[in-house]
Protein backbone atom coordinates (compact mmCIF):
# COMPACT_ATOMS: atom_id res chain seq x y z
CA MET A 1 11.35 5.70 30.64
CA LYS A 2 10.45 9.24 29.63
CA SER A 3 8.47 12.05 31.51
CA LEU A 4 5.47 12.88 29.90
CA GLU A 5 6.34 16.47 29.24
CA GLN A 6 9.09 14.75 27.36
CA ILE A 7 7.16 12.88 24.89
CA LEU A 8 5.18 15.86 24.29
CA ILE A 9 7.48 18.35 22.82
CA ASN A 10 6.19 19.47 19.62
CA VAL A 11 2.73 19.18 20.43
CA THR A 12 0.73 21.97 20.72
CA LEU A 13 -1.49 22.08 23.86
CA SER A 14 -4.71 23.31 24.21
CA ARG A 15 -5.35 23.13 28.01
CA VAL A 16 -3.35 21.22 30.89
CA SER A 17 -5.17 19.87 34.29
CA GLY A 18 -2.52 18.56 36.47
CA SER A 19 1.53 17.88 36.74
CA LEU A 20 3.22 16.95 33.20
CA GLU A 21 6.09 15.45 35.37
CA LEU A 22 4.86 12.10 35.42
CA GLU A 23 7.23 9.27 34.82
CA LEU A 24 5.57 7.36 32.03
CA ASN A 25 5.46 3.24 31.61
CA GLY A 26 3.85 3.79 28.54
CA ILE A 27 1.51 4.95 25.48
CA ALA A 28 -1.55 3.85 24.01
CA MET A 29 -4.17 4.54 22.17
CA ASP A 30 -6.13 1.17 22.71
CA SER A 31 -7.95 1.52 26.50
CA ARG A 32 -7.42 -2.05 26.61
CA GLU A 33 -3.37 -1.89 25.92
CA VAL A 34 -3.43 0.58 28.91
CA LYS A 35 -1.34 -0.57 32.14
CA PRO A 36 0.34 1.21 34.99
CA GLY A 37 1.69 4.20 34.65
CA PHE A 38 0.55 4.82 30.92
CA VAL A 39 -0.33 8.06 29.19
CA PHE A 40 -4.12 6.87 26.92
CA VAL A 41 -4.31 8.93 23.57
CA ALA A 42 -8.31 9.13 23.03
CA VAL A 43 -8.40 9.38 19.08
CA ALA A 44 -11.59 9.40 17.10
CA GLY A 45 -11.47 6.72 14.96
CA THR A 46 -13.36 5.10 11.40
CA GLN A 47 -15.29 2.49 14.05
CA THR A 48 -15.01 3.37 17.77
CA ASP A 49 -14.63 6.84 19.87
CA GLY A 50 -11.19 6.26 21.45
CA HIS A 51 -13.40 9.05 23.82
CA ASP A 52 -15.64 6.51 24.70
CA TYR A 53 -12.91 4.54 26.30
CA ILE A 54 -11.18 7.54 29.09
CA GLU A 55 -12.99 5.73 31.98
CA LYS A 56 -12.07 2.75 30.88
CA ALA A 57 -8.20 3.25 30.34
CA ILE A 58 -8.07 5.02 33.61
CA GLU A 59 -9.39 1.68 35.31
CA ASN A 60 -6.47 0.40 33.85
CA GLY A 61 -3.91 2.50 35.03
CA ALA A 62 -3.92 5.27 32.66
CA VAL A 63 -1.62 8.55 34.83
CA ALA A 64 -2.65 11.26 31.64
CA ILE A 65 -5.23 10.97 29.32
CA ILE A 66 -4.66 13.09 25.77
CA PHE A 67 -8.04 14.50 24.41
CA GLU A 68 -9.70 16.56 21.55
CA ALA A 69 -13.54 16.63 22.37
CA SER A 70 -14.80 18.67 24.56
CA ARG A 71 -15.80 16.77 28.02
CA VAL A 72 -15.76 17.43 31.51
CA GLU A 73 -12.39 16.57 32.90
CA THR A 74 -13.71 15.41 36.74
CA ASP A 75 -11.06 12.55 37.54
CA GLN A 76 -8.48 14.27 39.80
CA ARG A 77 -5.79 11.22 40.07
CA VAL A 78 -5.05 11.76 36.07
CA THR A 79 -3.50 14.66 34.13
CA TRP A 80 -5.69 16.32 31.48
CA ILE A 81 -4.32 17.24 28.17
CA LYS A 82 -6.20 19.46 25.26
CA VAL A 83 -5.36 19.76 22.60
CA SER A 84 -6.76 20.34 18.44
CA ASP A 85 -5.73 16.98 16.54
CA SER A 86 -5.16 14.20 19.24
CA SER A 87 -4.39 11.65 15.90
CA GLU A 88 -1.60 14.24 14.73
CA ALA A 89 -0.61 14.29 18.95
CA LEU A 90 -0.19 10.80 18.97
CA GLY A 91 2.25 10.55 16.29
CA ILE A 92 4.29 13.30 17.23
CA MET A 93 4.61 11.61 20.96
CA ALA A 94 4.58 7.96 19.71
CA ALA A 95 7.91 9.38 17.80
CA ASN A 96 9.41 11.00 21.04
CA TRP A 97 8.30 8.15 22.94
CA PHE A 98 10.82 5.47 20.77
CA GLY A 99 13.45 8.23 20.13
CA ASN A 100 12.75 9.47 17.32
CA PRO A 101 13.82 7.20 15.32
CA SER A 102 13.04 8.08 11.99
CA ARG A 103 15.25 11.02 12.29
CA GLN A 104 18.70 8.45 12.77
CA LEU A 105 17.39 6.39 9.86
CA THR A 106 16.96 7.14 5.61
CA LEU A 107 13.40 7.05 5.04
CA VAL A 108 11.73 7.29 2.13
CA ALA A 109 7.91 6.89 1.56
CA VAL A 110 5.69 5.79 -1.39
CA THR A 111 2.37 7.20 -2.28
CA GLY A 112 -0.08 6.65 -5.16
CA THR A 113 -2.93 4.20 -6.15
CA ASN A 114 -0.92 1.84 -8.08
CA GLY A 115 2.92 0.56 -7.95
CA LYS A 116 3.18 1.75 -3.73
CA THR A 117 4.01 -2.47 -3.15
CA THR A 118 6.23 -3.01 -6.04
CA ILE A 119 8.36 0.50 -5.70
CA ALA A 120 9.01 -0.12 -1.50
CA THR A 121 10.15 -3.84 -2.28
CA LEU A 122 12.17 -3.35 -5.28
CA LEU A 123 13.54 -0.42 -2.88
CA PHE A 124 14.57 -2.50 -0.56
CA GLN A 125 15.44 -5.55 -2.29
CA LEU A 126 18.27 -2.88 -4.20
CA PHE A 127 19.20 -1.65 -0.98
CA GLN A 128 19.96 -5.08 -0.01
CA HIS A 129 21.98 -5.93 -2.89
CA LEU A 130 23.95 -3.00 -2.56
CA GLY A 131 24.99 -3.81 1.03
CA TYR A 132 22.69 -2.34 3.66
CA ARG A 133 20.64 -3.71 6.12
CA VAL A 134 17.70 -2.27 5.25
CA GLY A 135 14.14 -2.44 6.70
CA LEU A 136 10.69 -2.38 4.62
CA LEU A 137 6.50 -1.55 5.63
CA SER A 138 4.75 -2.56 2.75
CA THR A 139 0.91 -4.01 2.04
CA VAL A 140 2.74 -7.36 1.48
CA GLU A 141 5.18 -7.78 4.85
CA ASN A 142 7.32 -5.69 7.38
CA LYS A 143 10.84 -6.67 6.96
CA ILE A 144 14.02 -6.12 9.22
CA GLY A 145 16.36 -7.26 7.12
CA GLU A 146 15.53 -10.81 6.92
CA GLU A 147 13.30 -10.88 9.70
CA VAL A 148 9.66 -10.94 8.42
CA ILE A 149 6.81 -9.14 10.25
CA PRO A 150 3.55 -10.00 9.26
CA SER A 151 1.64 -6.81 7.95
CA THR A 152 -1.51 -6.05 8.78
CA HIS A 153 -2.29 -2.63 7.74
CA THR A 154 -0.57 -0.81 4.46
CA THR A 155 0.65 1.65 7.19
CA PRO A 156 1.00 1.02 10.89
CA ASP A 157 -0.62 3.06 13.25
CA ALA A 158 1.58 5.46 14.42
CA ILE A 159 2.28 3.95 17.90
CA SER A 160 3.40 0.60 16.24
CA LEU A 161 4.81 2.58 13.40
CA ASN A 162 7.49 3.42 15.45
CA GLU A 163 8.11 0.62 17.55
CA LEU A 164 8.92 -0.92 14.27
CA LEU A 165 11.30 1.91 13.05
CA ALA A 166 12.84 1.67 16.60
CA LYS A 167 13.68 -1.69 15.91
CA MET A 168 14.64 -1.40 12.47
CA LEU A 169 17.45 1.08 13.95
CA ALA A 170 18.51 -1.17 17.24
CA ALA A 171 18.65 -3.99 14.34
CA GLY A 172 21.40 -1.48 12.07
CA CYS A 173 19.48 -0.91 9.56
CA SER A 174 20.17 2.35 7.30
CA HIS A 175 17.54 2.70 5.09
CA VAL A 176 13.22 1.94 5.23
CA PHE A 177 11.42 1.88 2.57
CA MET A 178 7.88 2.33 3.06
CA GLU A 179 4.13 2.94 1.74
CA ALA A 180 2.15 5.59 2.87
CA SER A 181 -1.50 4.71 2.42
CA SER A 182 -3.87 7.75 1.83
CA HIS A 183 -6.06 6.76 4.85
CA ALA A 184 -3.24 6.75 7.21
CA ILE A 185 -1.49 10.20 5.85
CA HIS A 186 -5.27 11.61 5.94
CA GLN A 187 -5.32 10.05 9.68
CA LYS A 188 -2.19 11.49 10.25
CA ARG A 189 -0.37 8.01 11.23
CA ILE A 190 2.56 9.43 9.68
CA ALA A 191 2.63 12.70 11.85
CA GLY A 192 6.02 12.78 13.94
CA LEU A 193 8.36 11.04 11.05
CA GLU A 194 11.04 12.96 9.59
CA PHE A 195 11.59 11.73 5.86
CA ASP A 196 14.29 12.00 3.73
CA GLY A 197 12.08 11.83 -0.33
CA ALA A 198 8.67 10.50 -0.66
CA VAL A 199 7.28 9.41 -4.45
CA PHE A 200 4.10 9.63 -6.33
CA SER A 201 3.79 6.97 -8.59
CA ASN A 202 -0.04 7.72 -10.23
CA ILE A 203 -3.50 8.29 -9.16
CA SER A 204 -7.05 7.23 -10.01
CA HIS A 205 -10.42 5.79 -8.75
CA ASP A 206 -9.84 4.31 -5.20
CA HIS A 207 -11.17 4.39 -1.84
CA LEU A 208 -13.86 6.70 -2.48
CA ASP A 209 -16.18 4.96 0.16
CA TYR A 210 -13.32 6.34 2.56
CA HIS A 211 -12.42 9.96 1.33
CA GLY A 212 -15.94 10.62 -0.52
CA SER A 213 -14.48 12.48 -3.68
CA PHE A 214 -11.70 12.18 -5.63
CA ASP A 215 -9.93 15.96 -4.66
CA ASN A 216 -10.37 14.47 -1.45
CA TYR A 217 -8.63 11.83 -2.28
CA ILE A 218 -5.81 13.25 -4.05
CA SER A 219 -5.87 16.18 -1.14
CA ALA A 220 -4.96 13.27 1.19
CA LYS A 221 -2.14 12.19 -1.05
CA LYS A 222 -0.50 15.79 -1.57
CA LEU A 223 -0.30 16.06 2.84
CA LEU A 224 2.29 13.57 2.34
CA PHE A 225 4.43 16.07 -0.13
CA ASP A 226 2.79 19.40 1.86
CA ASN A 227 5.04 18.55 5.07
CA LEU A 228 8.44 17.65 3.91
CA SER A 229 11.47 19.33 4.59
CA PRO A 230 13.50 21.82 2.74
CA GLN A 231 16.19 18.91 2.99
CA GLY A 232 14.32 15.96 1.45
CA PHE A 233 13.32 15.59 -2.47
CA SER A 234 10.31 15.12 -4.08
CA LEU A 235 10.03 12.77 -7.06
CA VAL A 236 6.83 12.69 -8.99
CA ASN A 237 5.69 11.03 -11.96
CA VAL A 238 5.18 13.34 -14.35
CA ASP A 239 3.50 11.40 -16.84
CA ASP A 240 -0.17 11.38 -14.38
CA LYS A 241 -1.22 14.97 -14.72
CA ARG A 242 -1.36 15.07 -10.40
CA GLY A 243 2.00 14.34 -10.62
CA LYS A 244 2.71 18.20 -10.46
CA VAL A 245 -0.22 19.05 -8.05
CA MET A 246 1.48 16.77 -5.66
CA VAL A 247 4.01 19.14 -5.46
CA GLN A 248 2.56 22.52 -5.53
CA ASN A 249 3.12 23.31 -1.57
CA THR A 250 6.38 21.27 -1.13
CA ALA A 251 9.67 22.81 0.63
CA SER A 252 11.25 19.90 -0.57
CA LYS A 253 13.40 19.34 -3.73
CA ILE A 254 11.11 18.43 -6.40
CA GLN A 255 12.41 15.85 -9.21
CA THR A 256 10.80 13.86 -11.62
CA TYR A 257 10.10 10.75 -13.78
CA SER A 258 8.62 9.63 -16.60
CA LEU A 259 8.45 7.49 -19.68
CA GLN A 260 6.61 10.40 -21.70
CA THR A 261 8.24 12.93 -21.29
CA GLY A 262 11.30 15.30 -20.24
CA ALA A 263 12.53 14.41 -16.60
CA ASN A 264 14.93 13.82 -14.60
CA PHE A 265 15.02 10.70 -14.64
CA ARG A 266 13.80 9.40 -17.90
CA GLY A 267 12.85 5.67 -18.89
CA LYS A 268 12.17 4.30 -22.28
CA VAL A 269 10.63 0.69 -23.46
CA LEU A 270 12.41 -0.73 -26.00
CA SER A 271 10.63 -4.27 -25.89
CA ASN A 272 8.21 -5.73 -23.52
CA THR A 273 7.70 -9.59 -23.20
CA LEU A 274 6.07 -12.50 -20.84
CA GLU A 275 9.84 -12.87 -20.46
CA GLY A 276 11.04 -9.04 -19.02
CA LEU A 277 11.23 -5.78 -20.30
CA HIS A 278 14.52 -4.47 -22.43
CA MET A 279 14.77 -0.47 -21.76
CA GLU A 280 16.69 2.63 -21.66
CA ILE A 281 16.84 4.27 -18.71
CA ASN A 282 18.95 7.88 -18.53
CA GLY A 283 20.71 6.60 -21.73
CA LYS A 284 21.55 3.32 -20.93
CA GLU A 285 20.16 -0.20 -21.93
CA VAL A 286 19.33 -2.09 -19.44
CA TRP A 287 16.96 -5.76 -19.71
CA PHE A 288 14.49 -6.71 -16.42
CA ARG A 289 13.01 -9.06 -15.33
CA LEU A 290 10.03 -7.53 -14.49
CA VAL A 291 7.13 -7.27 -17.41
CA GLY A 292 5.05 -4.39 -18.23
CA ASP A 293 4.86 -0.87 -18.36
CA PHE A 294 3.62 -0.22 -15.45
CA ASN A 295 6.55 -1.98 -13.74
CA ALA A 296 8.94 0.38 -16.53
CA TYR A 297 7.23 3.40 -14.32
CA ASN A 298 8.26 1.16 -11.05
CA LEU A 299 11.75 1.07 -12.05
CA VAL A 300 12.54 4.26 -13.03
CA ALA A 301 10.87 5.57 -9.59
CA VAL A 302 13.35 3.27 -8.10
CA PHE A 303 16.59 4.67 -10.18
CA GLY A 304 15.72 7.86 -9.49
CA VAL A 305 15.64 7.18 -5.67
CA ALA A 306 18.59 5.63 -5.31
CA MET A 307 20.52 8.35 -7.58
CA LEU A 308 19.50 10.72 -4.93
CA LEU A 309 20.31 8.93 -2.58
CA GLY A 310 23.58 9.07 -4.01
CA GLU A 311 24.45 5.44 -5.17
CA ASN A 312 26.44 4.64 -8.42
CA GLU A 313 24.42 4.46 -11.51
CA GLU A 314 25.84 1.40 -12.82
CA GLU A 315 25.73 -0.12 -9.87
CA VAL A 316 22.35 0.29 -9.28
CA LEU A 317 21.02 -0.89 -12.60
CA LEU A 318 23.20 -3.49 -12.53
CA ALA A 319 21.82 -4.97 -9.03
CA LEU A 320 18.00 -4.07 -10.46
CA SER A 321 17.93 -6.07 -13.40
CA ALA A 322 18.96 -9.05 -10.98
CA LEU A 323 15.33 -8.61 -9.17
CA ASN A 324 12.64 -11.01 -9.28
CA PRO A 325 8.93 -9.58 -9.00
CA VAL A 326 7.11 -9.20 -6.34
CA ARG A 327 4.78 -11.35 -4.99
CA GLY A 328 1.52 -11.58 -6.31
CA ARG A 329 2.33 -8.83 -8.80
CA PHE A 330 2.40 -9.70 -12.80
CA GLU A 331 3.30 -13.38 -11.07
CA MET A 332 3.37 -15.87 -13.47
CA ILE A 333 2.55 -19.41 -13.56
CA LEU A 334 3.08 -21.87 -16.30
CA LEU A 335 0.51 -24.77 -16.72
CA LYS A 336 0.86 -27.93 -17.63
CA ASN A 337 -1.28 -27.59 -20.76
CA GLY A 338 0.91 -24.74 -22.32
CA ALA A 339 -0.96 -21.37 -20.93
CA VAL A 340 0.23 -19.03 -18.51
CA SER A 341 -1.62 -18.05 -15.26
CA ILE A 342 -0.58 -14.48 -13.73
CA ILE A 343 -1.14 -13.82 -10.36
CA ASP A 344 -2.21 -9.77 -9.80
CA TYR A 345 -3.43 -8.00 -7.06
CA ALA A 346 -5.17 -5.41 -9.43
CA HIS A 347 -7.71 -3.99 -7.85
CA THR A 348 -8.90 -0.83 -9.00
CA PRO A 349 -9.79 -0.19 -12.62
CA ASP A 350 -6.83 1.45 -13.59
CA ALA A 351 -4.80 -1.11 -12.21
CA LEU A 352 -7.04 -3.77 -13.97
CA LYS A 353 -6.50 -1.79 -17.24
CA ASN A 354 -2.62 -1.55 -17.13
CA VAL A 355 -2.53 -5.14 -16.77
CA LEU A 356 -4.70 -6.61 -19.05
CA GLU A 357 -3.15 -4.10 -21.73
CA THR A 358 0.09 -5.37 -21.00
CA ILE A 359 -0.98 -8.96 -21.44
CA LYS A 360 -2.98 -7.87 -24.91
CA SER A 361 0.28 -6.30 -25.91
CA MET A 362 2.04 -9.27 -26.16
CA GLN A 363 -0.46 -11.96 -27.58
CA ILE A 364 -0.86 -12.70 -31.17
CA PRO A 365 -3.95 -13.48 -32.56
CA GLY A 366 -5.78 -16.41 -31.90
CA GLU A 367 -4.76 -16.13 -28.29
CA ASN A 368 -7.21 -16.09 -25.40
CA LEU A 369 -7.29 -13.85 -22.34
CA ILE A 370 -9.66 -15.45 -19.60
CA THR A 371 -9.87 -13.05 -16.48
CA VAL A 372 -10.80 -14.17 -12.97
CA VAL A 373 -12.05 -10.57 -10.98
CA GLY A 374 -14.03 -9.46 -8.30
CA CYS A 375 -14.55 -6.56 -6.29
CA GLY A 376 -13.98 -6.59 -2.12
CA GLY A 377 -17.12 -5.65 0.28
CA ASN A 378 -17.54 -2.48 2.10
CA ARG A 379 -15.05 -0.61 -0.08
CA ASP A 380 -15.57 1.88 -2.44
CA LYS A 381 -18.85 0.27 -4.89
CA ALA A 382 -18.47 3.06 -7.77
CA LYS A 383 -15.50 0.93 -9.11
CA ARG A 384 -17.56 -2.32 -9.58
CA PRO A 385 -18.89 -1.49 -12.35
CA VAL A 386 -15.72 0.05 -14.39
CA MET A 387 -13.69 -2.70 -12.89
CA ALA A 388 -16.49 -5.28 -14.71
CA GLU A 389 -17.18 -2.86 -17.95
CA VAL A 390 -12.72 -2.87 -18.26
CA ALA A 391 -12.42 -7.05 -17.79
CA SER A 392 -15.19 -7.40 -20.50
CA ARG A 393 -13.70 -4.80 -22.93
CA LEU A 394 -10.07 -6.24 -22.91
CA SER A 395 -10.84 -9.85 -22.76
CA THR A 396 -11.76 -12.81 -24.34
CA GLN A 397 -13.72 -14.18 -21.53
CA VAL A 398 -14.39 -13.11 -18.05
CA PHE A 399 -15.48 -14.94 -14.94
CA LEU A 400 -16.72 -12.56 -12.19
CA THR A 401 -16.66 -13.82 -8.74
CA SER A 402 -16.22 -13.51 -5.03
CA ASP A 403 -13.55 -11.62 -3.65
CA ASN A 404 -13.16 -10.20 -0.08
CA PRO A 405 -17.02 -9.85 0.15
CA ARG A 406 -16.12 -9.14 3.81
CA ASN A 407 -20.25 -8.23 5.40
CA GLU A 408 -21.87 -7.81 2.10
CA GLU A 409 -23.72 -10.23 -0.24
CA PRO A 410 -21.17 -11.36 -2.52
CA LYS A 411 -24.26 -11.82 -5.00
CA THR A 412 -25.04 -8.20 -4.66
CA ILE A 413 -21.23 -7.21 -5.62
CA ILE A 414 -21.42 -9.44 -8.90
CA GLN A 415 -24.68 -7.99 -9.88
CA GLU A 416 -23.04 -4.20 -9.17
CA MET A 417 -20.37 -5.57 -11.50
CA MET A 418 -22.25 -6.96 -13.88
CA ASP A 419 -24.33 -3.51 -14.20
CA GLY A 420 -21.45 -2.23 -15.77
CA VAL A 421 -21.03 -4.82 -18.49
CA PRO A 422 -22.56 -3.39 -21.86
CA LEU A 423 -24.84 -5.41 -23.61
CA SER A 424 -22.87 -6.38 -26.29
CA GLN A 425 -20.19 -7.96 -23.94
CA ARG A 426 -22.11 -9.98 -21.69
CA ARG A 427 -21.92 -12.76 -23.78
CA ARG A 428 -18.18 -12.98 -22.86
CA VAL A 429 -18.81 -12.72 -19.32
CA ALA A 430 -20.19 -15.68 -16.79
CA VAL A 431 -21.13 -15.55 -13.33
CA ILE A 432 -19.34 -18.33 -11.16
CA GLU A 433 -19.78 -16.81 -7.06
CA ASP A 434 -17.49 -19.53 -5.73
CA ARG A 435 -13.91 -18.04 -6.50
CA GLU A 436 -11.61 -21.50 -6.57
CA GLY A 437 -14.47 -23.05 -9.22
CA ALA A 438 -13.93 -19.89 -11.52
CA ILE A 439 -10.57 -20.33 -10.97
CA ARG A 440 -10.76 -24.01 -11.87
CA GLU A 441 -13.11 -23.60 -14.86
CA ALA A 442 -11.39 -20.31 -16.47
CA ILE A 443 -8.16 -23.20 -16.42
CA ALA A 444 -9.90 -25.87 -17.95
CA MET A 445 -11.11 -23.16 -20.38
CA ALA A 446 -6.99 -22.90 -21.45
CA LYS A 447 -5.53 -24.01 -24.13
CA ILE A 448 -1.44 -23.04 -25.24
CA ASN A 449 -0.51 -19.96 -25.14
CA ASP A 450 -3.34 -18.19 -23.50
CA VAL A 451 -3.36 -16.07 -20.62
CA VAL A 452 -5.65 -16.39 -17.37
CA LEU A 453 -5.25 -13.72 -15.63
CA VAL A 454 -6.45 -14.08 -11.52
CA ALA A 455 -6.87 -10.62 -10.27
CA GLY A 456 -7.53 -8.59 -7.24
CA LYS A 457 -6.29 -10.55 -4.39
CA GLY A 458 -2.58 -10.85 -5.15
CA HIS A 459 -0.07 -11.45 -2.46
CA GLU A 460 -3.02 -12.47 0.02
CA THR A 461 -3.76 -15.11 1.44
CA TYR A 462 -7.07 -15.16 2.74
CA GLN A 463 -10.76 -14.48 1.47
CA GLU A 464 -13.08 -12.34 4.17
CA ILE A 465 -16.90 -13.30 4.88
CA SER A 466 -19.26 -12.46 6.99
CA GLY A 467 -15.73 -10.91 8.99
CA VAL A 468 -13.81 -13.63 9.26
CA LYS A 469 -11.02 -14.85 7.31
CA TYR A 470 -10.94 -18.21 5.56
CA PRO A 471 -7.28 -19.24 3.88
CA PHE A 472 -7.34 -18.49 0.66
CA ASP A 473 -4.48 -18.08 -2.12
CA ASP A 474 -5.00 -17.81 -5.81
CA ARG A 475 -1.53 -18.36 -6.29
CA GLU A 476 -2.21 -21.93 -4.26
CA LYS A 477 -5.55 -22.14 -6.17
CA VAL A 478 -4.03 -22.53 -9.20
CA LEU A 479 -1.52 -24.93 -8.91
CA GLU A 480 -3.63 -26.98 -7.63
CA THR A 481 -5.82 -27.01 -10.32
CA GLN A 482 -2.62 -28.74 -12.24
CA LYS A 483 -2.34 -31.87 -9.72
CA PRO A 484 -4.05 -34.62 -10.89
CA ILE A 485 -7.15 -35.58 -8.84
CA VAL A 486 -7.18 -38.07 -6.58
CA ASN A 487 -10.39 -40.17 -6.24
């Protein structure tokens, strides 16, 4: 149990009405989770505004209210504290409430449009191989050692995040690797955390429905590096022209990685096949089980982090060579007809282009590349026609289908994708709204050595339609096509 005064350390207060010497039983940002003796932090979210639920929080037993909007503080039974930014205050207060676990962990964040999950997961696997007890916070799953905790967001809310970090610390974890989404950075869910380092993978078209512009999206990512301490490191991909932008105002130690130019950590692809990558990293040749230039970048980033955390170079490269691909990231399934299906999370134009170009580079004339792809509803609409254009340009045959339509009509989403397909390419594009049907048709079309790419959902095990999540796993649907039909 901590006092209100204790968990407000490092929070800038604009106005206080009432006592700070209150013993608290908990902290909440959702009025429904408030219990007697809790402090309620009113945060203005994207869907609802916590300020609208202050009275409900008091009814449920809140003894203190943190708020930022102008309002009349009428209830004298509680302490009222006005701050300039309640989202930032929540992050700091949550860290204080759970004993600032990030200070006692080696905590590294990974941000970028593509590669976050793979880099964070490979770091988790690598440091496990090196003998550490490790925590992971990712889009696919959260892990405390071998314990799996389902993931609902790329980056959890500030309270959940600090609670997970505290559990990791209590379980004996020394290192934690986490994805930091642009939403989480912008919404200050990571406020109050002390990072030992951060990685920038790349940035391309995504999330403009939330950020409004590409410049805003870049600025959100950049905040992670702006707030690092001089004791931390920034590891950035300098083959992406925004890599240097990310570290313009950072106080941290700046380090770089690259496949194309001089950098602190340099990789070179010697050969790239469906069996894996043969690479040179900092002058040493290694074979990896991962495939594609995009994974070459991910591997060099992981290697760089390990070096910056003081690990042995040869041990790291040996361990990395034994690691398997991350679930739903260029995950290959050999089909009975001799073709290959690849499941990949590619849900941005750049990610889809990278995957398709990687596959094409491994094929010989006469081998077909068949792509099944859709776009999510209630998300960035501008990328829909671009995704379809990329797919039609780089594939032999494309099936436009439903992804997670959420609260939009699948037909509308697919039509907006089709609008990006040039007339000259439309003969190779078909529409099958039912995703399972599209997967079956694509696989039925494939011949020996052809590749069927099922893109967009990767690790996801559901399809969200009209606000309801129905079981749907691309990998399972592909495997089901290989089973005999029983009448």
